[in-house]
Amino acid sequence: MNKKVYVIGHRNPDTDSIVSAAAYAALKRAQGNKNCFALRAGKLSPQTEYIFNRFHVPVPEYMPDLIPKAGHYITSSPPVVQSNVTIWEALERMQGENLRAAPVVDENGVYQGMLNYSIFAKYIITTINPNKKASFPVSISHLVNTLRAQTINIFDGESIRKSNILVAASYGRYFRARLENSAIESALVIMGDRWDLQEFCIEKKVRALILSGGNTLAPGLFEKARESGVSVISSPYDTSFTSMLVMYSTPVSEICDSSIPLVQETDAIKKIRAPLARAPSRCLPVGNDRNQVTGVIFEGDLIEEPNVEVIMVDHNEPSQAIEGIENYKILEVIDHHRLGNLSTKYPINFINKVVGATCTIIANLYREQMVPMEKETASILLCGVLADTIGLQSATTTAVDVEAAEYLSSITGLDVERLALDMQEAANLSCALSAPELIALDMKAYNEAEGGYTVSQVETTSPQSLVARREEMLAALERVVEEDGRIFAAMLVTDVTRLDSLLFITGKKDFISKLAFPRIEDGVFLLKDIVSRKKQLVPLLSELVQEFGR
């Protein structure tokens, strides 16, 4: 099975990040990589949700982290065994496919238990016990399948009942006595051409008469067996081999080890190491949230690379990447931010361009690689460009962004100015969120000094509504500082009508005192003509952090 490739943006993603992931994964699939999927590492903002709903594009799946999980080590379809299969059929398959173990599932793929050679051995030792009569669950249909038998009479063929084996090998009177002392209604009698005993067994109404060596009923006994409700089958094998195969006719559902747990695809590897080491065959079944088996994980799999590879979009700094990304091979990075300290073990494709939006880069990749865009993809890409450039008005906007927006507008029929206004109306809904939710929506972490700092950003037409909630906002920022030991935590509130911003900030007093911006209120500063976190604000803060750390 080919490895899955996840395309994913930064933590607490904005519109550009999520759209870039969705559009680039679509490009990869159009080029033949069907195992390429978009993910998101955070909640949708009202603006992003509006865009995906408006253009009927599936939202990338939410993935809280990429900490190695059981599902990341499944490399092939599971070698499952259906619960109604007989022990003999299961053994044949396991030997033929060289399987050490196999999960048992019902008709819906739901896990029932595990098969391994220890279970088979335990069953045989328990069944073939000279100190007690052998009794085991079996149906007539299972007997027919295992023995490849010719059916003569079948009654209640699917019912699984505990039965015992009697072989008519002794003198007639001794066998009759043995049968009389047995549970006749559950007896499976094996014999050859002993016509006298055939009739006796039918008269006593045994459960089934198994005629070995390809023998059939004596003349005149067919109707008698039918009237007595006795199942009669003819085995092509001799008596000894027939007797052995009968014991292997039990369905595997009756012997599988249900004590071996089904681990979930989402279970962290560190959680399953102990049960994996205890498992009889050093393997465990893996399943989804419906308990359907999706694979098997072996202890030896953990020394291999997981079956996941990653493409990073709209970021390149590990501090902003989804947790656990260091465990996977990074194939590509597509970004428009400053370079961080990312390092990889392998050469990778790295595209970083000075443009206003990663969506601009993705749109141009479609054109460069001559892959036609679906209109839905082109529509969300246009939204991504407009979102990250504040409707092409941000200081980060380049001629490349403008040209990309014009191209996307021309193939979608969307008016750029009208779409930007619609998106801003949706973005304004963010201001109704609680302070912690608002700060977390588009928060980026920068680890430039001990503790580092975070900067969130929200765009609105009414920044004063957040000034009125100043204490709530600063309290939420203070919690970020305390929980993560940050130098400071800030939120850039950008007025998209005036193209100015307010900076809500709290943190170490020695650092806050260095800010030279005009103070509106305690913890709130005016940033005239500053709208870009990436290009305008973070470089200023970075310089102050470096001075503060000296």
Protein backbone atom coordinates (compact mmCIF):
# COMPACT_ATOMS: atom_id res chain seq x y z
CA MET A 1 0.00 0.00 0.00
CA ASN A 2 1.33 3.45 -0.89
CA LYS A 3 2.08 5.81 1.95
CA LYS A 4 -0.44 8.50 2.81
CA VAL A 5 0.69 12.05 2.17
CA TYR A 6 -0.80 14.69 4.44
CA VAL A 7 -0.82 18.32 3.29
CA ILE A 8 -1.18 20.52 6.35
CA GLY A 9 -0.81 24.14 7.40
CA HIS A 10 0.31 25.63 10.69
CA ARG A 11 -1.32 25.32 14.10
CA ASN A 12 -4.32 27.59 14.69
CA PRO A 13 -4.66 27.96 10.91
CA ASP A 14 -6.06 30.96 9.07
CA THR A 15 -7.95 30.88 5.79
CA ASP A 16 -4.80 30.93 3.62
CA SER A 17 -3.38 27.95 5.50
CA ILE A 18 -6.45 25.72 5.23
CA VAL A 19 -7.26 26.64 1.63
CA SER A 20 -3.63 26.06 0.59
CA ALA A 21 -3.73 22.57 2.07
CA ALA A 22 -7.03 21.70 0.38
CA ALA A 23 -6.01 23.08 -3.02
CA TYR A 24 -2.52 21.58 -3.05
CA ALA A 25 -3.81 18.13 -2.04
CA ALA A 26 -6.30 18.40 -4.93
CA LEU A 27 -3.42 19.25 -7.29
CA LYS A 28 -1.44 16.22 -6.12
CA ARG A 29 -4.43 13.92 -6.61
CA ALA A 30 -5.01 15.34 -10.08
CA GLN A 31 -1.39 14.41 -10.86
CA GLY A 32 -1.99 10.81 -9.82
CA ASN A 33 -1.23 10.69 -6.09
CA LYS A 34 -4.57 9.36 -4.89
CA ASN A 35 -3.24 8.93 -1.35
CA CYS A 36 -2.74 12.67 -0.82
CA PHE A 37 -5.08 14.27 1.73
CA ALA A 38 -5.50 17.72 3.23
CA LEU A 39 -5.57 18.14 7.01
CA ARG A 40 -5.99 21.10 9.34
CA ALA A 41 -4.35 21.56 12.72
CA GLY A 42 -7.00 23.73 14.32
CA LYS A 43 -10.56 25.00 14.29
CA LEU A 44 -12.15 26.86 11.40
CA SER A 45 -12.62 30.60 11.75
CA PRO A 46 -16.07 31.93 10.79
CA GLN A 47 -14.51 33.33 7.62
CA THR A 48 -12.93 30.01 6.60
CA GLU A 49 -16.12 28.10 7.38
CA TYR A 50 -18.10 30.57 5.26
CA ILE A 51 -15.76 30.08 2.29
CA PHE A 52 -15.86 26.27 2.30
CA ASN A 53 -19.64 26.24 2.77
CA ARG A 54 -20.27 28.84 0.08
CA PHE A 55 -18.32 26.95 -2.57
CA HIS A 56 -19.33 23.45 -1.40
CA VAL A 57 -15.78 22.25 -0.87
CA PRO A 58 -15.14 19.52 1.75
CA VAL A 59 -13.33 20.91 4.78
CA PRO A 60 -9.95 19.24 5.45
CA GLU A 61 -10.11 16.74 8.27
CA TYR A 62 -9.14 18.06 11.69
CA MET A 63 -6.02 16.42 13.13
CA PRO A 64 -5.08 17.63 16.63
CA ASP A 65 -1.56 16.22 16.37
CA LEU A 66 0.66 13.84 14.43
CA ILE A 67 2.05 12.01 17.43
CA PRO A 68 2.77 8.49 16.08
CA LYS A 69 -0.34 6.34 16.29
CA ALA A 70 -1.18 2.75 15.50
CA GLY A 71 -2.87 3.69 12.24
CA HIS A 72 0.35 5.27 10.98
CA TYR A 73 2.06 1.86 10.87
CA ILE A 74 -0.56 -0.08 8.91
CA THR A 75 0.90 -0.77 5.49
CA SER A 76 -1.50 -3.29 4.00
CA SER A 77 -5.05 -4.57 4.20
CA PRO A 78 -5.64 -6.78 7.23
CA PRO A 79 -5.56 -10.59 6.75
CA VAL A 80 -8.94 -11.02 8.42
CA VAL A 81 -10.80 -14.30 8.84
CA GLN A 82 -14.59 -14.37 8.79
CA SER A 83 -16.10 -15.63 12.02
CA ASN A 84 -18.10 -18.41 10.29
CA VAL A 85 -14.99 -19.96 8.70
CA THR A 86 -13.94 -23.33 10.11
CA ILE A 87 -10.70 -23.95 11.96
CA TRP A 88 -9.47 -26.09 9.06
CA GLU A 89 -10.11 -23.36 6.49
CA ALA A 90 -8.43 -20.78 8.72
CA LEU A 91 -5.36 -22.99 9.18
CA GLU A 92 -5.09 -23.60 5.45
CA ARG A 93 -5.17 -19.87 4.79
CA MET A 94 -2.71 -18.97 7.52
CA GLN A 95 -0.24 -21.59 6.31
CA GLY A 96 -0.72 -20.64 2.66
CA GLU A 97 -0.18 -16.91 3.34
CA ASN A 98 2.44 -17.48 6.04
CA LEU A 99 0.40 -15.62 8.67
CA ARG A 100 1.43 -15.71 12.32
CA ALA A 101 -1.93 -14.39 13.43
CA ALA A 102 -5.18 -13.11 11.97
CA PRO A 103 -8.12 -11.11 13.35
CA VAL A 104 -11.56 -12.69 13.29
CA VAL A 105 -14.40 -10.44 12.15
CA ASP A 106 -18.14 -10.73 11.66
CA GLU A 107 -20.01 -10.01 8.43
CA ASN A 108 -19.66 -6.24 9.07
CA GLY A 109 -15.92 -6.40 9.67
CA VAL A 110 -16.35 -5.90 13.43
CA TYR A 111 -13.61 -7.44 15.54
CA GLN A 112 -14.44 -10.68 17.39
CA GLY A 113 -11.06 -11.98 18.52
CA MET A 114 -7.62 -13.10 17.39
CA LEU A 115 -6.38 -16.35 15.86
CA ASN A 116 -2.85 -17.59 16.38
CA TYR A 117 -1.17 -20.97 16.61
CA SER A 118 -1.32 -20.94 20.40
CA ILE A 119 -5.10 -20.81 20.22
CA PHE A 120 -5.19 -23.73 17.76
CA ALA A 121 -2.90 -25.81 19.97
CA LYS A 122 -4.96 -25.06 23.06
CA TYR A 123 -8.15 -26.07 21.27
CA ILE A 124 -6.74 -29.40 20.07
CA ILE A 125 -5.22 -30.28 23.45
CA THR A 126 -8.52 -29.47 25.16
CA THR A 127 -10.62 -31.38 22.63
CA ILE A 128 -8.47 -34.50 22.34
CA ASN A 129 -8.43 -35.36 26.00
CA PRO A 130 -8.45 -39.10 26.82
CA ASN A 131 -9.87 -38.36 30.25
CA LYS A 132 -13.11 -36.92 28.96
CA LYS A 133 -15.39 -37.25 25.99
CA ALA A 134 -14.61 -34.85 23.17
CA SER A 135 -17.35 -32.27 22.75
CA PHE A 136 -17.11 -29.21 20.51
CA PRO A 137 -19.41 -26.67 18.83
CA VAL A 138 -20.16 -27.31 15.17
CA SER A 139 -22.89 -26.97 12.55
CA ILE A 140 -23.75 -29.52 9.87
CA SER A 141 -22.84 -26.97 7.21
CA HIS A 142 -19.38 -26.58 8.72
CA LEU A 143 -18.93 -30.33 8.62
CA VAL A 144 -19.92 -30.43 4.95
CA ASN A 145 -17.46 -27.64 4.06
CA THR A 146 -14.52 -29.09 5.96
CA LEU A 147 -15.03 -32.65 4.77
CA ARG A 148 -15.94 -31.60 1.24
CA ALA A 149 -18.78 -34.01 1.85
CA GLN A 150 -21.62 -35.08 -0.36
CA THR A 151 -24.91 -34.18 1.30
CA ILE A 152 -27.64 -36.80 1.51
CA ASN A 153 -29.95 -35.38 4.16
CA ILE A 154 -29.47 -32.03 5.93
CA PHE A 155 -31.56 -30.85 8.87
CA ASP A 156 -31.00 -27.60 10.79
CA GLY A 157 -27.74 -27.21 8.91
CA GLU A 158 -26.71 -23.76 10.20
CA SER A 159 -27.32 -24.30 13.91
CA ILE A 160 -24.09 -24.47 15.95
CA ARG A 161 -24.41 -27.00 18.77
CA LYS A 162 -21.98 -28.82 20.99
CA SER A 163 -21.57 -32.34 19.69
CA ASN A 164 -19.51 -35.44 20.43
CA ILE A 165 -17.88 -37.90 18.02
CA LEU A 166 -18.53 -41.63 18.02
CA VAL A 167 -16.69 -43.93 15.61
CA ALA A 168 -18.44 -47.22 14.84
CA ALA A 169 -15.27 -49.31 14.92
CA SER A 170 -16.20 -51.92 17.55
CA TYR A 171 -18.55 -54.94 17.40
CA GLY A 172 -22.16 -54.02 16.92
CA ARG A 173 -23.34 -54.71 20.45
CA TYR A 174 -20.47 -52.74 22.01
CA PHE A 175 -21.11 -49.75 19.76
CA ARG A 176 -24.84 -49.89 20.50
CA ALA A 177 -24.10 -49.80 24.21
CA ARG A 178 -21.74 -46.83 23.78
CA LEU A 179 -24.32 -44.92 21.79
CA GLU A 180 -27.03 -45.65 24.36
CA ASN A 181 -24.77 -44.12 27.05
CA SER A 182 -24.06 -40.99 25.00
CA ALA A 183 -25.98 -37.76 24.39
CA ILE A 184 -27.64 -39.27 21.34
CA GLU A 185 -29.32 -36.10 20.08
CA SER A 186 -25.91 -34.40 19.73
CA ALA A 187 -23.91 -37.40 18.53
CA LEU A 188 -21.92 -37.31 15.30
CA VAL A 189 -21.45 -40.94 14.28
CA ILE A 190 -18.70 -41.86 11.82
CA MET A 191 -18.84 -45.18 10.05
CA GLY A 192 -18.28 -46.83 6.69
CA ASP A 193 -20.58 -49.43 5.15
CA ARG A 194 -21.91 -50.80 8.46
CA TRP A 195 -25.49 -51.00 7.19
CA ASP A 196 -26.85 -52.58 10.33
CA LEU A 197 -25.44 -49.78 12.49
CA GLN A 198 -26.60 -47.14 10.03
CA GLU A 199 -30.18 -48.17 10.63
CA PHE A 200 -29.69 -48.33 14.41
CA CYS A 201 -28.27 -44.77 14.48
CA ILE A 202 -31.16 -43.48 12.40
CA GLU A 203 -33.68 -45.15 14.68
CA LYS A 204 -31.97 -43.55 17.72
CA LYS A 205 -32.11 -40.14 15.94
CA VAL A 206 -28.48 -39.17 16.25
CA ARG A 207 -27.64 -35.62 15.14
CA ALA A 208 -25.68 -36.69 12.07
CA LEU A 209 -24.42 -39.80 10.36
CA ILE A 210 -21.06 -39.28 8.65
CA LEU A 211 -20.29 -42.03 6.16
CA SER A 212 -16.55 -42.26 5.50
CA GLY A 213 -14.76 -43.52 2.40
CA GLY A 214 -17.44 -42.11 0.08
CA ASN A 215 -20.03 -44.65 1.32
CA THR A 216 -23.74 -43.94 1.11
CA LEU A 217 -26.82 -45.16 2.94
CA ALA A 218 -27.96 -48.73 2.75
CA PRO A 219 -30.95 -49.34 0.47
CA GLY A 220 -34.22 -48.26 2.05
CA LEU A 221 -32.67 -45.99 4.69
CA PHE A 222 -32.94 -42.68 2.83
CA GLU A 223 -36.61 -42.16 3.65
CA LYS A 224 -36.10 -43.45 7.17
CA ALA A 225 -33.34 -40.91 7.81
CA ARG A 226 -35.49 -38.11 6.36
CA GLU A 227 -38.47 -39.06 8.52
CA SER A 228 -36.26 -39.24 11.63
CA GLY A 229 -34.64 -35.85 10.98
CA VAL A 230 -31.14 -37.31 10.88
CA SER A 231 -28.57 -35.46 8.81
CA VAL A 232 -26.53 -37.77 6.59
CA ILE A 233 -23.36 -36.76 4.72
CA SER A 234 -20.75 -38.77 2.83
CA SER A 235 -17.08 -37.96 3.42
CA PRO A 236 -14.57 -38.80 0.66
CA TYR A 237 -11.89 -39.49 3.26
CA ASP A 238 -11.22 -42.65 5.26
CA THR A 239 -12.46 -42.97 8.82
CA SER A 240 -9.29 -41.77 10.56
CA PHE A 241 -8.87 -38.62 8.46
CA THR A 242 -12.60 -37.93 8.60
CA SER A 243 -12.47 -38.12 12.41
CA MET A 244 -9.62 -35.63 12.52
CA LEU A 245 -11.27 -33.18 10.13
CA VAL A 246 -14.52 -33.28 12.07
CA MET A 247 -12.69 -31.80 15.07
CA TYR A 248 -11.43 -28.98 12.85
CA SER A 249 -14.97 -28.14 11.69
CA THR A 250 -15.66 -25.80 14.58
CA PRO A 251 -16.11 -22.18 13.43
CA VAL A 252 -13.26 -19.90 14.48
CA SER A 253 -15.74 -17.62 16.28
CA GLU A 254 -15.90 -20.33 18.97
CA ILE A 255 -12.18 -20.48 19.68
CA CYS A 256 -10.70 -17.04 18.85
CA ASP A 257 -9.04 -15.16 21.69
CA SER A 258 -11.33 -12.24 22.52
CA SER A 259 -9.04 -11.18 25.38
CA ILE A 260 -6.57 -9.70 22.88
CA PRO A 261 -7.64 -6.05 22.63
CA LEU A 262 -8.47 -4.18 19.46
CA VAL A 263 -6.37 -1.02 19.50
CA GLN A 264 -7.72 2.07 17.80
CA GLU A 265 -6.04 3.70 14.80
CA THR A 266 -5.81 6.84 16.94
CA ASP A 267 -4.07 5.16 19.89
CA ALA A 268 -0.60 6.58 20.49
CA ILE A 269 2.25 4.11 20.00
CA LYS A 270 3.47 4.69 23.54
CA LYS A 271 0.06 3.48 24.78
CA ILE A 272 0.15 0.17 22.91
CA ARG A 273 3.79 -0.85 23.44
CA ALA A 274 3.04 -2.81 26.63
CA PRO A 275 0.03 -4.81 25.30
CA LEU A 276 1.95 -5.39 22.06
CA ALA A 277 4.84 -6.93 23.98
CA ARG A 278 2.41 -9.20 25.88
CA ALA A 279 0.47 -10.36 22.81
CA PRO A 280 1.12 -14.05 21.95
CA SER A 281 2.32 -13.35 18.40
CA ARG A 282 3.71 -9.88 19.20
CA CYS A 283 0.95 -8.29 17.17
CA LEU A 284 -2.37 -6.56 17.77
CA PRO A 285 -5.41 -5.88 15.61
CA VAL A 286 -6.06 -2.23 14.76
CA GLY A 287 -9.53 -0.81 14.18
CA ASN A 288 -11.59 2.31 13.62
CA ASP A 289 -14.18 3.95 15.86
CA ARG A 290 -16.76 1.36 14.72
CA ASN A 291 -14.50 -1.49 15.91
CA GLN A 292 -13.98 -2.62 12.32
CA VAL A 293 -10.54 -4.09 11.74
CA THR A 294 -8.37 -1.93 9.46
CA GLY A 295 -5.00 -3.59 9.98
CA VAL A 296 -2.58 -5.48 12.17
CA ILE A 297 0.43 -3.93 13.87
CA PHE A 298 3.48 -6.06 14.70
CA GLU A 299 6.17 -5.23 17.23
CA GLY A 300 8.72 -5.21 14.40
CA ASP A 301 6.71 -2.54 12.55
CA LEU A 302 7.77 0.04 15.11
CA ILE A 303 11.35 0.06 13.86
CA GLU A 304 10.12 0.98 10.38
CA GLU A 305 9.12 4.43 9.18
CA PRO A 306 5.39 5.11 9.55
CA ASN A 307 3.20 4.99 6.47
CA VAL A 308 2.71 8.77 6.51
CA GLU A 309 4.63 11.57 4.81
CA VAL A 310 3.98 15.29 5.14
CA ILE A 311 3.83 18.41 2.98
CA MET A 312 3.94 21.68 4.94
CA VAL A 313 2.09 24.68 3.54
CA ASP A 314 1.96 28.29 4.77
CA HIS A 315 4.69 27.74 7.37
CA ASN A 316 8.19 26.36 7.72
CA GLU A 317 9.01 26.80 11.41
CA PRO A 318 8.76 23.70 13.63
CA SER A 319 7.30 25.82 16.46
CA GLN A 320 4.28 26.55 14.25
CA ALA A 321 3.92 23.03 12.86
CA ILE A 322 1.47 20.44 14.12
CA GLU A 323 2.75 18.56 17.16
CA GLY A 324 4.60 15.36 16.25
CA ILE A 325 5.62 16.37 12.72
CA GLU A 326 9.26 15.56 13.52
CA ASN A 327 8.37 11.84 13.39
CA TYR A 328 7.64 11.89 9.66
CA LYS A 329 9.42 12.48 6.40
CA ILE A 330 8.71 15.97 5.09
CA LEU A 331 8.40 15.90 1.31
CA GLU A 332 7.79 19.56 0.51
CA VAL A 333 7.43 23.02 2.01
CA ILE A 334 5.41 25.73 0.27
CA ASP A 335 5.40 29.04 2.10
CA HIS A 336 5.65 32.83 1.96
CA HIS A 337 7.01 33.58 5.45
CA ARG A 338 10.49 34.15 6.79
CA LEU A 339 12.72 31.08 7.10
CA GLY A 340 12.83 29.37 10.45
CA ASN A 341 15.13 26.64 11.71
CA LEU A 342 13.59 23.66 9.90
CA SER A 343 16.02 20.83 9.12
CA THR A 344 15.36 17.54 7.33
CA LYS A 345 17.20 14.25 6.87
CA TYR A 346 16.47 14.20 3.15
CA PRO A 347 16.56 16.72 0.29
CA ILE A 348 13.08 18.21 -0.19
CA ASN A 349 11.20 20.51 -2.53
CA PHE A 350 11.17 23.93 -0.84
CA ILE A 351 9.21 26.80 -2.39
CA ASN A 352 9.26 30.10 -0.53
CA LYS A 353 8.24 33.24 -2.38
CA VAL A 354 7.77 36.86 -1.37
CA VAL A 355 4.07 37.10 -2.03
CA GLY A 356 1.06 37.99 0.07
CA ALA A 357 -0.49 34.52 0.28
CA THR A 358 0.48 30.89 -0.04
CA CYS A 359 -2.67 30.49 -2.12
CA THR A 360 -1.02 32.69 -4.77
CA ILE A 361 1.84 30.18 -5.00
CA ILE A 362 -0.55 27.22 -5.19
CA ALA A 363 -2.65 28.85 -7.91
CA ASN A 364 0.47 29.49 -9.98
CA LEU A 365 1.66 25.90 -9.48
CA TYR A 366 -1.54 24.70 -11.17
CA ARG A 367 -0.74 26.97 -14.10
CA GLU A 368 2.95 26.11 -14.28
CA GLN A 369 2.25 22.39 -14.17
CA MET A 370 -0.63 22.73 -16.65
CA VAL A 371 -3.24 21.14 -14.43
CA PRO A 372 -6.76 22.55 -14.92
CA MET A 373 -8.48 23.75 -11.74
CA GLU A 374 -11.97 22.80 -10.71
CA LYS A 375 -14.02 25.98 -10.34
CA GLU A 376 -14.60 25.19 -6.68
CA THR A 377 -10.83 24.97 -6.11
CA ALA A 378 -10.23 28.21 -8.01
CA SER A 379 -12.93 29.92 -5.93
CA ILE A 380 -11.43 29.02 -2.56
CA LEU A 381 -7.93 29.87 -3.82
CA LEU A 382 -9.17 33.36 -4.71
CA CYS A 383 -10.62 33.63 -1.21
CA GLY A 384 -7.28 32.56 0.27
CA VAL A 385 -5.43 35.26 -1.68
CA LEU A 386 -7.92 37.94 -0.61
CA ALA A 387 -7.95 36.79 3.01
CA ASP A 388 -4.18 36.98 3.47
CA THR A 389 -3.81 40.30 1.62
CA ILE A 390 -6.86 42.01 3.17
CA GLY A 391 -8.55 42.23 -0.19
CA LEU A 392 -5.24 43.05 -1.97
CA GLN A 393 -4.73 46.09 0.30
CA SER A 394 -2.13 44.73 2.72
CA ALA A 395 1.50 45.88 2.64
CA THR A 396 2.40 42.30 1.74
CA THR A 397 0.42 42.40 -1.51
CA THR A 398 2.57 42.01 -4.62
CA ALA A 399 1.92 42.27 -8.34
CA VAL A 400 2.00 38.46 -8.40
CA ASP A 401 -0.92 38.35 -5.94
CA VAL A 402 -2.91 40.85 -7.98
CA GLU A 403 -2.31 38.92 -11.20
CA ALA A 404 -3.25 35.61 -9.52
CA ALA A 405 -6.46 37.14 -8.15
CA GLU A 406 -7.37 38.52 -11.57
CA TYR A 407 -6.76 35.10 -13.17
CA LEU A 408 -8.82 33.26 -10.55
CA SER A 409 -11.59 35.85 -10.85
CA SER A 410 -11.66 35.42 -14.63
CA ILE A 411 -12.17 31.65 -14.49
CA THR A 412 -14.72 31.70 -11.63
CA GLY A 413 -16.74 34.77 -12.57
CA LEU A 414 -16.37 36.11 -9.02
CA ASP A 415 -16.07 39.85 -8.48
CA VAL A 416 -12.98 40.51 -6.34
CA GLU A 417 -14.35 43.54 -4.45
CA ARG A 418 -17.73 41.96 -3.75
CA LEU A 419 -16.14 38.71 -2.61
CA ALA A 420 -13.73 40.56 -0.31
CA LEU A 421 -16.67 42.38 1.33
CA ASP A 422 -18.59 39.11 1.77
CA MET A 423 -15.54 37.52 3.37
CA GLN A 424 -15.05 40.45 5.71
CA GLU A 425 -18.64 40.23 6.89
CA ALA A 426 -17.97 36.58 7.75
CA ALA A 427 -14.68 37.50 9.45
CA ASN A 428 -16.48 40.03 11.68
CA LEU A 429 -18.32 37.13 13.28
CA SER A 430 -15.03 36.18 14.97
CA CYS A 431 -15.40 39.16 17.29
CA ALA A 432 -18.37 37.45 18.95
CA LEU A 433 -16.18 34.54 20.09
CA SER A 434 -14.88 34.26 23.63
CA ALA A 435 -11.46 35.82 24.23
CA PRO A 436 -9.59 32.46 24.43
CA GLU A 437 -11.27 31.23 21.23
CA LEU A 438 -10.52 34.48 19.39
CA ILE A 439 -6.87 34.49 20.43
CA ALA A 440 -6.42 30.83 19.47
CA LEU A 441 -7.98 31.18 16.00
CA ASP A 442 -4.87 32.48 14.25
CA MET A 443 -2.12 32.37 16.86
CA LYS A 444 1.50 31.81 15.82
CA ALA A 445 4.36 31.02 18.17
CA TYR A 446 7.88 32.37 17.69
CA ASN A 447 10.71 30.75 19.64
CA GLU A 448 13.42 33.35 19.20
CA ALA A 449 14.47 33.55 22.84
CA GLU A 450 13.88 31.60 26.01
CA GLY A 451 10.12 31.26 26.33
CA GLY A 452 9.45 32.89 22.97
CA TYR A 453 6.24 34.76 22.25
CA THR A 454 2.93 34.45 20.43
CA VAL A 455 1.10 36.82 18.10
CA SER A 456 -2.53 36.29 17.13
CA GLN A 457 -4.36 38.28 14.49
CA VAL A 458 -7.97 39.16 13.81
CA GLU A 459 -9.35 41.36 11.05
CA THR A 460 -12.49 43.40 11.61
CA THR A 461 -14.36 46.52 10.60
CA SER A 462 -15.05 47.39 14.25
CA PRO A 463 -11.91 47.12 16.41
CA GLN A 464 -13.53 49.27 19.11
CA SER A 465 -15.83 46.37 19.96
CA LEU A 466 -12.75 44.50 21.16
CA VAL A 467 -11.36 47.53 22.99
CA ALA A 468 -14.57 47.43 25.02
CA ARG A 469 -13.58 43.86 26.01
CA ARG A 470 -10.00 44.86 26.83
CA GLU A 471 -9.84 43.25 30.27
CA GLU A 472 -11.21 39.96 28.94
CA MET A 473 -8.74 39.96 26.05
CA LEU A 474 -5.72 40.80 28.22
CA ALA A 475 -6.70 38.15 30.78
CA ALA A 476 -6.79 35.51 28.04
CA LEU A 477 -3.40 36.64 26.72
CA GLU A 478 -2.00 36.52 30.24
CA ARG A 479 -3.07 32.86 30.52
CA VAL A 480 -1.04 32.10 27.36
CA VAL A 481 1.99 33.78 28.93
CA GLU A 482 1.63 31.87 32.21
CA GLU A 483 0.85 28.44 30.71
CA ASP A 484 3.72 28.45 28.22
CA GLY A 485 6.22 30.65 30.02
CA ARG A 486 6.23 33.22 27.21
CA ILE A 487 7.96 36.61 27.19
CA PHE A 488 4.67 38.05 26.00
CA ALA A 489 1.46 37.19 24.15
CA ALA A 490 -0.09 39.66 21.72
CA MET A 491 -3.11 40.01 19.46
CA LEU A 492 -3.05 42.25 16.38
CA VAL A 493 -6.53 43.63 15.71
CA THR A 494 -6.52 44.99 12.16
CA ASP A 495 -9.06 47.57 11.01
CA VAL A 496 -9.63 46.60 7.37
CA THR A 497 -11.40 49.88 6.58
CA ARG A 498 -8.67 52.23 7.88
CA LEU A 499 -5.74 49.81 7.37
CA ASP A 500 -4.46 50.43 10.90
CA SER A 501 -4.20 48.01 13.81
CA LEU A 502 -4.48 47.84 17.56
CA LEU A 503 -2.05 45.70 19.52
CA PHE A 504 -3.34 43.96 22.66
CA ILE A 505 -0.30 42.74 24.59
CA THR A 506 0.67 41.44 28.01
CA GLY A 507 3.77 39.80 29.38
CA LYS A 508 6.98 40.66 31.19
CA LYS A 509 6.85 44.29 32.27
CA ASP A 510 10.47 44.93 31.31
CA PHE A 511 9.63 44.00 27.74
CA ILE A 512 6.29 45.83 27.55
CA SER A 513 8.03 49.00 28.70
CA LYS A 514 10.21 48.90 25.57
CA LEU A 515 7.24 49.31 23.23
CA ALA A 516 7.29 52.75 21.61
CA PHE A 517 3.84 52.58 20.02
CA PRO A 518 1.17 55.12 21.08
CA ARG A 519 -0.76 53.73 24.07
CA ILE A 520 -4.56 53.78 23.79
CA GLU A 521 -5.23 52.11 27.12
CA ASP A 522 -3.24 49.85 29.43
CA GLY A 523 -2.17 46.88 27.32
CA VAL A 524 -3.54 48.36 24.06
CA PHE A 525 -1.39 50.23 21.52
CA LEU A 526 -2.12 51.92 18.21
CA LEU A 527 -0.09 50.67 15.22
CA LYS A 528 -0.53 53.27 12.51
CA ASP A 529 -0.37 51.88 8.93
CA ILE A 530 0.54 48.40 10.21
CA VAL A 531 -1.69 45.56 8.97
CA SER A 532 0.74 42.70 8.31
CA ARG A 533 1.87 40.50 11.16
CA LYS A 534 4.40 38.75 8.95
CA LYS A 535 6.02 41.67 7.17
CA GLN A 536 5.51 44.64 9.51
CA LEU A 537 4.89 43.62 13.12
CA VAL A 538 6.95 40.46 13.74
CA PRO A 539 10.23 41.98 12.44
CA LEU A 540 9.79 44.87 14.94
CA LEU A 541 8.95 42.54 17.81
CA SER A 542 11.79 40.18 16.87
CA GLU A 543 14.30 43.02 17.11
CA LEU A 544 12.95 44.04 20.53
CA VAL A 545 13.08 40.42 21.76
CA GLN A 546 16.72 40.11 20.73
CA GLU A 547 17.59 43.33 22.59
CA PHE A 548 15.58 42.16 25.60
CA GLY A 549 17.48 38.87 25.74
CA ARG A 550 20.94 40.48 25.83
